[in-house]
Amino acid sequence: MNKYVRVCFVLLLVLCTVVTVALWQGMHSFLFAWVLNLMLMMGVLYTTQTFKPRLASTYYSSKKWEADGKIYKWFGVNGFRKVLVWVGWEKLNKASSPVKKCLNALKHLEYNTRQSEFGHLIIFFIVLALALFVGLYYGFKNIVWLLMLNIILNAYPIMVQRYNRPRIQKAIAKINVLQSAHKV
């Protein structure tokens, strides 16, 4: 089956599931917000894994103000990382993509941070737009779950990727320097 057809089928499944839960529980419910985020994660992950975009934009380069990670530490990214370990996400993630100290593995890991950030950005803005719609239509007190889960499931993962990427890039640069020194 053509990859475009498969992606369309998955995205249609995502849309049907989200609409079904919206009609069943309402767009202001916790269940809707949870299902929306998880289904969008599934759809975006499937799409990015299928098409593997280059993601070479300068947006993914670390800025000076974020290179040391202080801003992310201030927002509690280390606490969020501990929660990921506590719930078993890190173990699951490491099992599917183990970290090795070879150059190709680190480059692949660095690309995965961009891919993850890209996916969470897309989901963040979709959920935010939907929250604004729900807020305008049903009242802003009805978007609490959408906003809370959007921050927890999308904003914090984006910060984790932006926190980790400079460290991975430093490791890549060190390996490149060592390999260049060995060639001389």
N, C-alpha and C. Protein backbone atom coordinates (compact mmCIF):
# COMPACT_ATOMS: atom_id res chain seq x y z
N MET A 1 0.85 -1.18 0.00
CA MET A 1 0.00 0.00 0.00
C MET A 1 0.90 1.24 0.00
N ASN A 2 0.53 2.22 -0.75
CA ASN A 2 1.26 3.46 -0.87
C ASN A 2 1.37 4.14 0.50
N LYS A 3 2.54 4.74 0.80
CA LYS A 3 2.73 5.36 2.11
C LYS A 3 1.78 6.54 2.33
N TYR A 4 1.40 7.24 1.28
CA TYR A 4 0.45 8.35 1.42
C TYR A 4 -0.93 7.84 1.83
N VAL A 5 -1.32 6.72 1.26
CA VAL A 5 -2.61 6.12 1.60
C VAL A 5 -2.59 5.65 3.05
N ARG A 6 -1.48 5.03 3.47
CA ARG A 6 -1.37 4.56 4.86
C ARG A 6 -1.44 5.74 5.84
N VAL A 7 -0.72 6.81 5.53
CA VAL A 7 -0.75 8.00 6.40
C VAL A 7 -2.16 8.58 6.46
N CYS A 8 -2.82 8.68 5.31
CA CYS A 8 -4.20 9.19 5.29
C CYS A 8 -5.12 8.30 6.11
N PHE A 9 -4.94 6.99 6.01
CA PHE A 9 -5.75 6.05 6.79
C PHE A 9 -5.53 6.25 8.29
N VAL A 10 -4.28 6.39 8.71
CA VAL A 10 -3.97 6.61 10.13
C VAL A 10 -4.56 7.93 10.60
N LEU A 11 -4.41 8.99 9.82
CA LEU A 11 -4.95 10.29 10.20
C LEU A 11 -6.47 10.28 10.23
N LEU A 12 -7.10 9.52 9.36
CA LEU A 12 -8.55 9.36 9.39
C LEU A 12 -8.98 8.62 10.66
N LEU A 13 -8.23 7.60 11.03
CA LEU A 13 -8.49 6.87 12.28
C LEU A 13 -8.36 7.82 13.48
N VAL A 14 -7.34 8.66 13.49
CA VAL A 14 -7.14 9.65 14.55
C VAL A 14 -8.35 10.57 14.62
N LEU A 15 -8.75 11.11 13.48
CA LEU A 15 -9.87 12.05 13.43
C LEU A 15 -11.16 11.39 13.90
N CYS A 16 -11.45 10.19 13.43
CA CYS A 16 -12.68 9.49 13.83
C CYS A 16 -12.70 9.21 15.33
N THR A 17 -11.58 8.79 15.88
CA THR A 17 -11.50 8.52 17.31
C THR A 17 -11.72 9.78 18.12
N VAL A 18 -11.08 10.86 17.73
CA VAL A 18 -11.22 12.13 18.46
C VAL A 18 -12.66 12.64 18.37
N VAL A 19 -13.26 12.59 17.20
CA VAL A 19 -14.65 13.05 17.04
C VAL A 19 -15.59 12.18 17.86
N THR A 20 -15.37 10.87 17.86
CA THR A 20 -16.22 9.97 18.64
C THR A 20 -16.16 10.30 20.12
N VAL A 21 -14.96 10.50 20.65
CA VAL A 21 -14.82 10.84 22.07
C VAL A 21 -15.40 12.22 22.35
N ALA A 22 -15.25 13.16 21.44
CA ALA A 22 -15.83 14.50 21.62
C ALA A 22 -17.35 14.43 21.71
N LEU A 23 -17.96 13.63 20.85
CA LEU A 23 -19.42 13.49 20.88
C LEU A 23 -19.89 12.72 22.12
N TRP A 24 -19.10 11.76 22.54
CA TRP A 24 -19.46 10.91 23.68
C TRP A 24 -19.27 11.62 25.02
N GLN A 25 -18.09 12.28 25.22
CA GLN A 25 -17.75 12.86 26.51
C GLN A 25 -17.78 14.38 26.53
N GLY A 26 -17.78 15.00 25.38
CA GLY A 26 -17.72 16.46 25.32
C GLY A 26 -16.28 16.93 25.17
N MET A 27 -16.12 18.08 24.54
CA MET A 27 -14.78 18.60 24.26
C MET A 27 -14.12 19.24 25.48
N HIS A 28 -14.83 19.33 26.57
CA HIS A 28 -14.28 19.93 27.79
C HIS A 28 -13.82 18.89 28.80
N SER A 29 -14.00 17.59 28.49
CA SER A 29 -13.70 16.53 29.46
C SER A 29 -12.21 16.16 29.46
N PHE A 30 -11.80 15.60 30.58
CA PHE A 30 -10.44 15.08 30.70
C PHE A 30 -10.20 13.98 29.67
N LEU A 31 -11.16 13.08 29.52
CA LEU A 31 -10.99 11.96 28.58
C LEU A 31 -10.76 12.48 27.16
N PHE A 32 -11.53 13.49 26.75
CA PHE A 32 -11.33 14.06 25.41
C PHE A 32 -9.92 14.63 25.28
N ALA A 33 -9.48 15.41 26.26
CA ALA A 33 -8.14 16.02 26.19
C ALA A 33 -7.07 14.94 26.13
N TRP A 34 -7.23 13.88 26.90
CA TRP A 34 -6.25 12.78 26.94
C TRP A 34 -6.22 12.05 25.59
N VAL A 35 -7.40 11.66 25.12
CA VAL A 35 -7.49 10.93 23.85
C VAL A 35 -6.99 11.81 22.70
N LEU A 36 -7.35 13.08 22.69
CA LEU A 36 -6.89 13.99 21.65
C LEU A 36 -5.37 14.01 21.58
N ASN A 37 -4.72 14.21 22.72
CA ASN A 37 -3.25 14.26 22.74
C ASN A 37 -2.63 12.93 22.31
N LEU A 38 -3.14 11.82 22.84
CA LEU A 38 -2.55 10.53 22.49
C LEU A 38 -2.77 10.17 21.02
N MET A 39 -3.95 10.45 20.50
CA MET A 39 -4.21 10.14 19.10
C MET A 39 -3.40 11.05 18.18
N LEU A 40 -3.27 12.33 18.55
CA LEU A 40 -2.42 13.21 17.75
C LEU A 40 -0.96 12.74 17.79
N MET A 41 -0.51 12.29 18.96
CA MET A 41 0.86 11.76 19.05
C MET A 41 1.03 10.56 18.13
N MET A 42 0.05 9.68 18.11
CA MET A 42 0.13 8.51 17.24
C MET A 42 0.16 8.94 15.77
N GLY A 43 -0.72 9.85 15.39
CA GLY A 43 -0.78 10.29 14.00
C GLY A 43 0.47 11.03 13.56
N VAL A 44 0.96 11.93 14.40
CA VAL A 44 2.16 12.70 14.05
C VAL A 44 3.39 11.79 14.03
N LEU A 45 3.49 10.89 15.00
CA LEU A 45 4.63 9.96 15.03
C LEU A 45 4.63 9.08 13.78
N TYR A 46 3.48 8.55 13.43
CA TYR A 46 3.41 7.71 12.24
C TYR A 46 3.80 8.50 10.99
N THR A 47 3.32 9.72 10.91
CA THR A 47 3.62 10.56 9.74
C THR A 47 5.10 10.90 9.67
N THR A 48 5.69 11.32 10.80
CA THR A 48 7.11 11.69 10.77
C THR A 48 8.00 10.47 10.56
N GLN A 49 7.61 9.31 11.10
CA GLN A 49 8.40 8.10 10.87
C GLN A 49 8.30 7.64 9.41
N THR A 50 7.17 7.90 8.80
CA THR A 50 6.97 7.50 7.40
C THR A 50 7.74 8.40 6.45
N PHE A 51 7.65 9.71 6.65
CA PHE A 51 8.25 10.65 5.70
C PHE A 51 9.65 11.12 6.09
N LYS A 52 10.02 10.95 7.35
CA LYS A 52 11.35 11.33 7.85
C LYS A 52 11.82 12.69 7.31
N PRO A 53 11.15 13.77 7.73
CA PRO A 53 11.56 15.10 7.25
C PRO A 53 12.97 15.42 7.71
N ARG A 54 13.68 16.24 6.94
CA ARG A 54 15.08 16.57 7.25
C ARG A 54 15.21 17.36 8.54
N LEU A 55 14.32 18.28 8.79
CA LEU A 55 14.33 19.11 10.00
C LEU A 55 15.67 19.82 10.17
N ALA A 56 16.12 20.48 9.12
CA ALA A 56 17.42 21.14 9.11
C ALA A 56 17.32 22.64 9.39
N SER A 57 16.16 23.11 9.77
CA SER A 57 15.97 24.54 10.02
C SER A 57 16.87 25.03 11.14
N THR A 58 17.23 26.30 11.08
CA THR A 58 18.04 26.89 12.15
C THR A 58 17.25 26.97 13.46
N TYR A 59 15.94 26.78 13.39
CA TYR A 59 15.12 26.74 14.61
C TYR A 59 15.66 25.69 15.58
N TYR A 60 16.15 24.58 15.05
CA TYR A 60 16.62 23.48 15.90
C TYR A 60 18.01 23.70 16.47
N SER A 61 18.69 24.74 16.04
CA SER A 61 19.99 25.08 16.62
C SER A 61 19.78 25.72 17.98
N SER A 62 20.65 25.35 18.92
CA SER A 62 20.53 25.92 20.27
C SER A 62 20.91 27.39 20.24
N LYS A 63 20.12 28.16 20.93
CA LYS A 63 20.41 29.59 21.05
C LYS A 63 21.35 29.80 22.24
N LYS A 64 22.04 30.92 22.27
CA LYS A 64 23.00 31.19 23.35
C LYS A 64 22.31 31.14 24.71
N TRP A 65 21.10 31.70 24.81
CA TRP A 65 20.41 31.79 26.08
C TRP A 65 19.93 30.43 26.60
N GLU A 66 19.91 29.41 25.73
CA GLU A 66 19.44 28.10 26.18
C GLU A 66 20.53 27.04 26.21
N ALA A 67 21.73 27.39 25.79
CA ALA A 67 22.80 26.40 25.68
C ALA A 67 23.16 25.77 27.02
N ASP A 68 23.15 26.55 28.09
CA ASP A 68 23.51 25.99 29.39
C ASP A 68 22.31 25.34 30.09
N GLY A 69 21.12 25.51 29.55
CA GLY A 69 19.94 24.86 30.09
C GLY A 69 19.30 25.53 31.31
N LYS A 70 19.82 26.69 31.72
CA LYS A 70 19.29 27.34 32.93
C LYS A 70 17.81 27.67 32.81
N ILE A 71 17.40 28.16 31.66
CA ILE A 71 16.00 28.54 31.48
C ILE A 71 15.10 27.32 31.63
N TYR A 72 15.53 26.18 31.12
CA TYR A 72 14.73 24.97 31.20
C TYR A 72 14.74 24.40 32.62
N LYS A 73 15.87 24.52 33.29
CA LYS A 73 15.93 24.10 34.70
C LYS A 73 14.98 24.95 35.53
N TRP A 74 14.91 26.24 35.23
CA TRP A 74 14.04 27.15 35.95
C TRP A 74 12.57 26.74 35.78
N PHE A 75 12.21 26.25 34.60
CA PHE A 75 10.85 25.79 34.34
C PHE A 75 10.59 24.38 34.86
N GLY A 76 11.60 23.74 35.44
CA GLY A 76 11.41 22.44 36.07
C GLY A 76 11.58 21.25 35.16
N VAL A 77 12.39 21.40 34.11
CA VAL A 77 12.56 20.31 33.17
C VAL A 77 13.23 19.09 33.83
N ASN A 78 14.10 19.31 34.80
CA ASN A 78 14.73 18.17 35.48
C ASN A 78 13.71 17.38 36.29
N GLY A 79 12.76 18.07 36.90
CA GLY A 79 11.68 17.38 37.60
C GLY A 79 10.83 16.57 36.64
N PHE A 80 10.55 17.14 35.47
CA PHE A 80 9.78 16.43 34.45
C PHE A 80 10.55 15.20 33.97
N ARG A 81 11.85 15.34 33.80
CA ARG A 81 12.69 14.20 33.38
C ARG A 81 12.65 13.10 34.42
N LYS A 82 12.63 13.47 35.71
CA LYS A 82 12.53 12.47 36.79
C LYS A 82 11.18 11.75 36.74
N VAL A 83 10.13 12.48 36.41
CA VAL A 83 8.81 11.86 36.27
C VAL A 83 8.82 10.85 35.12
N LEU A 84 9.49 11.20 34.02
CA LEU A 84 9.60 10.28 32.88
C LEU A 84 10.31 8.99 33.28
N VAL A 85 11.33 9.11 34.11
CA VAL A 85 12.03 7.92 34.61
C VAL A 85 11.10 7.13 35.53
N TRP A 86 10.41 7.83 36.42
CA TRP A 86 9.52 7.20 37.39
C TRP A 86 8.39 6.42 36.73
N VAL A 87 7.80 6.97 35.66
CA VAL A 87 6.70 6.27 34.98
C VAL A 87 7.19 5.22 33.99
N GLY A 88 8.49 5.13 33.78
CA GLY A 88 9.05 4.10 32.91
C GLY A 88 9.24 4.52 31.47
N TRP A 89 8.99 5.78 31.15
CA TRP A 89 9.13 6.24 29.78
C TRP A 89 10.57 6.16 29.29
N GLU A 90 11.50 6.56 30.14
CA GLU A 90 12.92 6.54 29.75
C GLU A 90 13.39 5.11 29.47
N LYS A 91 12.97 4.18 30.29
CA LYS A 91 13.37 2.77 30.10
C LYS A 91 12.81 2.25 28.78
N LEU A 92 11.56 2.57 28.51
CA LEU A 92 10.93 2.16 27.26
C LEU A 92 11.63 2.80 26.07
N ASN A 93 11.95 4.08 26.19
CA ASN A 93 12.61 4.82 25.13
C ASN A 93 14.02 4.29 24.87
N LYS A 94 14.75 4.01 25.94
CA LYS A 94 16.12 3.48 25.79
C LYS A 94 16.11 2.08 25.20
N ALA A 95 15.09 1.29 25.52
CA ALA A 95 15.01 -0.06 24.98
C ALA A 95 14.80 -0.03 23.47
N SER A 96 13.99 0.90 22.99
CA SER A 96 13.73 0.98 21.56
C SER A 96 14.83 1.71 20.80
N SER A 97 15.57 2.57 21.50
CA SER A 97 16.62 3.34 20.86
C SER A 97 17.78 3.52 21.84
N PRO A 98 18.60 2.48 22.05
CA PRO A 98 19.67 2.58 23.03
C PRO A 98 20.72 3.63 22.65
N VAL A 99 21.27 4.27 23.67
CA VAL A 99 22.27 5.31 23.45
C VAL A 99 23.64 4.65 23.41
N LYS A 100 24.36 4.89 22.34
CA LYS A 100 25.73 4.39 22.19
C LYS A 100 26.64 5.59 21.98
N LYS A 101 27.92 5.40 22.23
CA LYS A 101 28.86 6.51 22.12
C LYS A 101 29.51 6.60 20.74
N CYS A 102 28.95 5.94 19.74
CA CYS A 102 29.51 6.06 18.40
C CYS A 102 28.84 7.24 17.69
N LEU A 103 29.52 7.77 16.73
CA LEU A 103 29.09 8.99 16.05
C LEU A 103 27.72 8.83 15.38
N ASN A 104 27.52 7.75 14.65
CA ASN A 104 26.25 7.57 13.95
C ASN A 104 25.07 7.45 14.92
N ALA A 105 25.28 6.76 16.03
CA ALA A 105 24.21 6.62 17.02
C ALA A 105 23.87 7.96 17.65
N LEU A 106 24.88 8.77 17.93
CA LEU A 106 24.63 10.10 18.50
C LEU A 106 23.95 11.02 17.50
N LYS A 107 24.34 10.93 16.24
CA LYS A 107 23.68 11.73 15.20
C LYS A 107 22.21 11.32 15.06
N HIS A 108 21.96 10.01 15.15
CA HIS A 108 20.59 9.52 15.08
C HIS A 108 19.78 10.00 16.30
N LEU A 109 20.40 9.97 17.46
CA LEU A 109 19.75 10.46 18.68
C LEU A 109 19.44 11.96 18.58
N GLU A 110 20.38 12.72 18.03
CA GLU A 110 20.18 14.16 17.87
C GLU A 110 19.04 14.42 16.89
N TYR A 111 18.96 13.65 15.81
CA TYR A 111 17.85 13.79 14.86
C TYR A 111 16.53 13.43 15.55
N ASN A 112 16.55 12.41 16.39
CA ASN A 112 15.34 12.02 17.10
C ASN A 112 14.84 13.14 18.02
N THR A 113 15.76 13.93 18.59
CA THR A 113 15.31 15.05 19.43
C THR A 113 14.59 16.09 18.57
N ARG A 114 15.10 16.32 17.36
CA ARG A 114 14.43 17.27 16.46
C ARG A 114 13.07 16.73 16.01
N GLN A 115 13.04 15.44 15.69
CA GLN A 115 11.80 14.82 15.24
C GLN A 115 10.75 14.84 16.36
N SER A 116 11.15 14.55 17.57
CA SER A 116 10.24 14.58 18.71
C SER A 116 9.74 16.00 18.96
N GLU A 117 10.65 16.95 18.93
CA GLU A 117 10.27 18.34 19.14
C GLU A 117 9.29 18.80 18.06
N PHE A 118 9.57 18.46 16.82
CA PHE A 118 8.71 18.82 15.70
C PHE A 118 7.29 18.28 15.92
N GLY A 119 7.20 17.02 16.28
CA GLY A 119 5.90 16.40 16.52
C GLY A 119 5.15 17.06 17.66
N HIS A 120 5.84 17.30 18.76
CA HIS A 120 5.18 17.93 19.91
C HIS A 120 4.78 19.38 19.60
N LEU A 121 5.55 20.07 18.77
CA LEU A 121 5.17 21.42 18.35
C LEU A 121 3.88 21.41 17.55
N ILE A 122 3.78 20.50 16.61
CA ILE A 122 2.56 20.39 15.81
C ILE A 122 1.36 20.12 16.72
N ILE A 123 1.52 19.15 17.60
CA ILE A 123 0.42 18.79 18.51
C ILE A 123 0.09 19.96 19.43
N PHE A 124 1.12 20.63 19.95
CA PHE A 124 0.89 21.76 20.85
C PHE A 124 0.00 22.80 20.19
N PHE A 125 0.30 23.16 18.96
CA PHE A 125 -0.47 24.20 18.29
C PHE A 125 -1.87 23.73 17.87
N ILE A 126 -2.01 22.46 17.52
CA ILE A 126 -3.35 21.93 17.22
C ILE A 126 -4.22 21.96 18.47
N VAL A 127 -3.67 21.48 19.59
CA VAL A 127 -4.43 21.46 20.84
C VAL A 127 -4.73 22.89 21.31
N LEU A 128 -3.76 23.78 21.17
CA LEU A 128 -3.97 25.17 21.56
C LEU A 128 -5.09 25.81 20.73
N ALA A 129 -5.09 25.59 19.43
CA ALA A 129 -6.14 26.12 18.56
C ALA A 129 -7.50 25.54 18.94
N LEU A 130 -7.53 24.24 19.20
CA LEU A 130 -8.77 23.60 19.61
C LEU A 130 -9.25 24.13 20.97
N ALA A 131 -8.30 24.37 21.88
CA ALA A 131 -8.65 24.93 23.19
C ALA A 131 -9.26 26.32 23.03
N LEU A 132 -8.70 27.12 22.15
CA LEU A 132 -9.26 28.45 21.91
C LEU A 132 -10.68 28.35 21.33
N PHE A 133 -10.88 27.42 20.42
CA PHE A 133 -12.21 27.19 19.87
C PHE A 133 -13.19 26.77 20.97
N VAL A 134 -12.79 25.80 21.78
CA VAL A 134 -13.64 25.32 22.87
C VAL A 134 -13.91 26.46 23.85
N GLY A 135 -12.88 27.25 24.15
CA GLY A 135 -13.05 28.37 25.06
C GLY A 135 -14.03 29.41 24.54
N LEU A 136 -13.95 29.71 23.26
CA LEU A 136 -14.87 30.69 22.67
C LEU A 136 -16.29 30.14 22.57
N TYR A 137 -16.41 28.86 22.28
CA TYR A 137 -17.73 28.26 22.07
C TYR A 137 -18.41 27.86 23.37
N TYR A 138 -17.64 27.24 24.29
CA TYR A 138 -18.23 26.70 25.52
C TYR A 138 -17.88 27.52 26.76
N GLY A 139 -16.95 28.45 26.64
CA GLY A 139 -16.49 29.22 27.79
C GLY A 139 -15.09 28.77 28.20
N PHE A 140 -14.31 29.72 28.64
CA PHE A 140 -12.90 29.44 28.90
C PHE A 140 -12.67 28.56 30.12
N LYS A 141 -13.65 28.42 31.00
CA LYS A 141 -13.47 27.51 32.14
C LYS A 141 -13.48 26.05 31.68
N ASN A 142 -13.93 25.80 30.47
CA ASN A 142 -14.01 24.44 29.95
C ASN A 142 -12.75 23.97 29.22
N ILE A 143 -11.70 24.76 29.25
CA ILE A 143 -10.48 24.35 28.54
C ILE A 143 -9.34 23.96 29.49
N VAL A 144 -9.67 23.82 30.76
CA VAL A 144 -8.64 23.51 31.76
C VAL A 144 -7.88 22.24 31.40
N TRP A 145 -8.60 21.16 31.09
CA TRP A 145 -7.93 19.88 30.79
C TRP A 145 -7.11 19.98 29.51
N LEU A 146 -7.65 20.65 28.52
CA LEU A 146 -6.90 20.80 27.26
C LEU A 146 -5.59 21.54 27.50
N LEU A 147 -5.64 22.62 28.25
CA LEU A 147 -4.42 23.40 28.50
C LEU A 147 -3.44 22.66 29.41
N MET A 148 -3.95 22.05 30.47
CA MET A 148 -3.05 21.34 31.39
C MET A 148 -2.33 20.19 30.69
N LEU A 149 -3.09 19.37 29.97
CA LEU A 149 -2.45 18.25 29.28
C LEU A 149 -1.56 18.72 28.13
N ASN A 150 -1.90 19.84 27.51
CA ASN A 150 -1.06 20.38 26.45
C ASN A 150 0.30 20.79 27.01
N ILE A 151 0.30 21.38 28.18
CA ILE A 151 1.57 21.78 28.81
C ILE A 151 2.37 20.54 29.22
N ILE A 152 1.70 19.60 29.88
CA ILE A 152 2.39 18.41 30.38
C ILE A 152 2.86 17.50 29.25
N LEU A 153 2.00 17.26 28.26
CA LEU A 153 2.30 16.28 27.21
C LEU A 153 3.01 16.86 25.99
N ASN A 154 3.06 18.19 25.88
CA ASN A 154 3.70 18.78 24.69
C ASN A 154 4.74 19.84 25.02
N ALA A 155 4.39 20.81 25.86
CA ALA A 155 5.34 21.88 26.15
C ALA A 155 6.57 21.34 26.89
N TYR A 156 6.36 20.52 27.90
CA TYR A 156 7.51 19.99 28.62
C TYR A 156 8.37 19.05 27.77
N PRO A 157 7.78 18.16 26.98
CA PRO A 157 8.64 17.36 26.09
C PRO A 157 9.45 18.21 25.11
N ILE A 158 8.89 19.33 24.64
CA ILE A 158 9.65 20.24 23.77
C ILE A 158 10.85 20.79 24.54
N MET A 159 10.61 21.20 25.78
CA MET A 159 11.71 21.74 26.60
C MET A 159 12.78 20.68 26.87
N VAL A 160 12.36 19.43 27.08
CA VAL A 160 13.33 18.35 27.31
C VAL A 160 14.22 18.18 26.08
N GLN A 161 13.63 18.21 24.90
CA GLN A 161 14.43 18.05 23.67
C GLN A 161 15.39 19.22 23.50
N ARG A 162 14.92 20.42 23.78
CA ARG A 162 15.78 21.60 23.64
C ARG A 162 16.85 21.62 24.72
N TYR A 163 16.59 21.01 25.86
CA TYR A 163 17.57 20.90 26.93
C TYR A 163 18.64 19.84 26.58
N ASN A 164 18.21 18.73 26.00
CA ASN A 164 19.12 17.62 25.71
C ASN A 164 19.97 17.85 24.46
N ARG A 165 19.42 18.51 23.46
CA ARG A 165 20.10 18.62 22.17
C ARG A 165 21.50 19.23 22.25
N PRO A 166 21.72 20.34 23.00
CA PRO A 166 23.08 20.90 23.06
C PRO A 166 24.09 19.91 23.65
N ARG A 167 23.68 19.11 24.58
CA ARG A 167 24.58 18.12 25.18
C ARG A 167 24.95 17.04 24.17
N ILE A 168 23.98 16.60 23.40
CA ILE A 168 24.24 15.60 22.37
C ILE A 168 25.14 16.20 21.29
N GLN A 169 24.89 17.45 20.92
CA GLN A 169 25.71 18.10 19.91
C GLN A 169 27.15 18.28 20.39
N LYS A 170 27.35 18.54 21.68
CA LYS A 170 28.71 18.63 22.23
C LYS A 170 29.41 17.28 22.13
N ALA A 171 28.70 16.20 22.44
CA ALA A 171 29.29 14.86 22.33
C ALA A 171 29.65 14.55 20.88
N ILE A 172 28.80 14.92 19.95
CA ILE A 172 29.08 14.72 18.53
C ILE A 172 30.32 15.51 18.12
N ALA A 173 30.41 16.75 18.57
CA ALA A 173 31.57 17.59 18.24
C ALA A 173 32.85 16.99 18.81
N LYS A 174 32.81 16.46 20.04
CA LYS A 174 34.00 15.84 20.64
C LYS A 174 34.44 14.63 19.85
N ILE A 175 33.51 13.79 19.44
CA ILE A 175 33.86 12.62 18.64
C ILE A 175 34.44 13.05 17.31
N ASN A 176 33.88 14.08 16.69
CA ASN A 176 34.41 14.59 15.42
C ASN A 176 35.84 15.07 15.58
N VAL A 177 36.12 15.78 16.70
CA VAL A 177 37.46 16.28 16.96
C VAL A 177 38.42 15.11 17.17
N LEU A 178 38.00 14.11 17.94
CA LEU A 178 38.84 12.93 18.17
C LEU A 178 39.13 12.17 16.88
N GLN A 179 38.12 12.04 16.05
CA GLN A 179 38.30 11.33 14.77
C GLN A 179 39.22 12.13 13.84
N SER A 180 39.11 13.46 13.87
CA SER A 180 39.98 14.29 13.05
C SER A 180 41.43 14.20 13.54
N ALA A 181 41.63 14.14 14.85
CA ALA A 181 42.96 14.04 15.42
C ALA A 181 43.61 12.70 15.07
N HIS A 182 42.82 11.64 15.01
CA HIS A 182 43.35 10.31 14.65
C HIS A 182 43.72 10.22 13.20
N LYS A 183 43.07 11.00 12.35
CA LYS A 183 43.37 10.97 10.91
C LYS A 183 44.68 11.69 10.60
N VAL A 184 45.06 12.63 11.47
CA VAL A 184 46.27 13.42 11.22
C VAL A 184 47.48 12.66 11.55
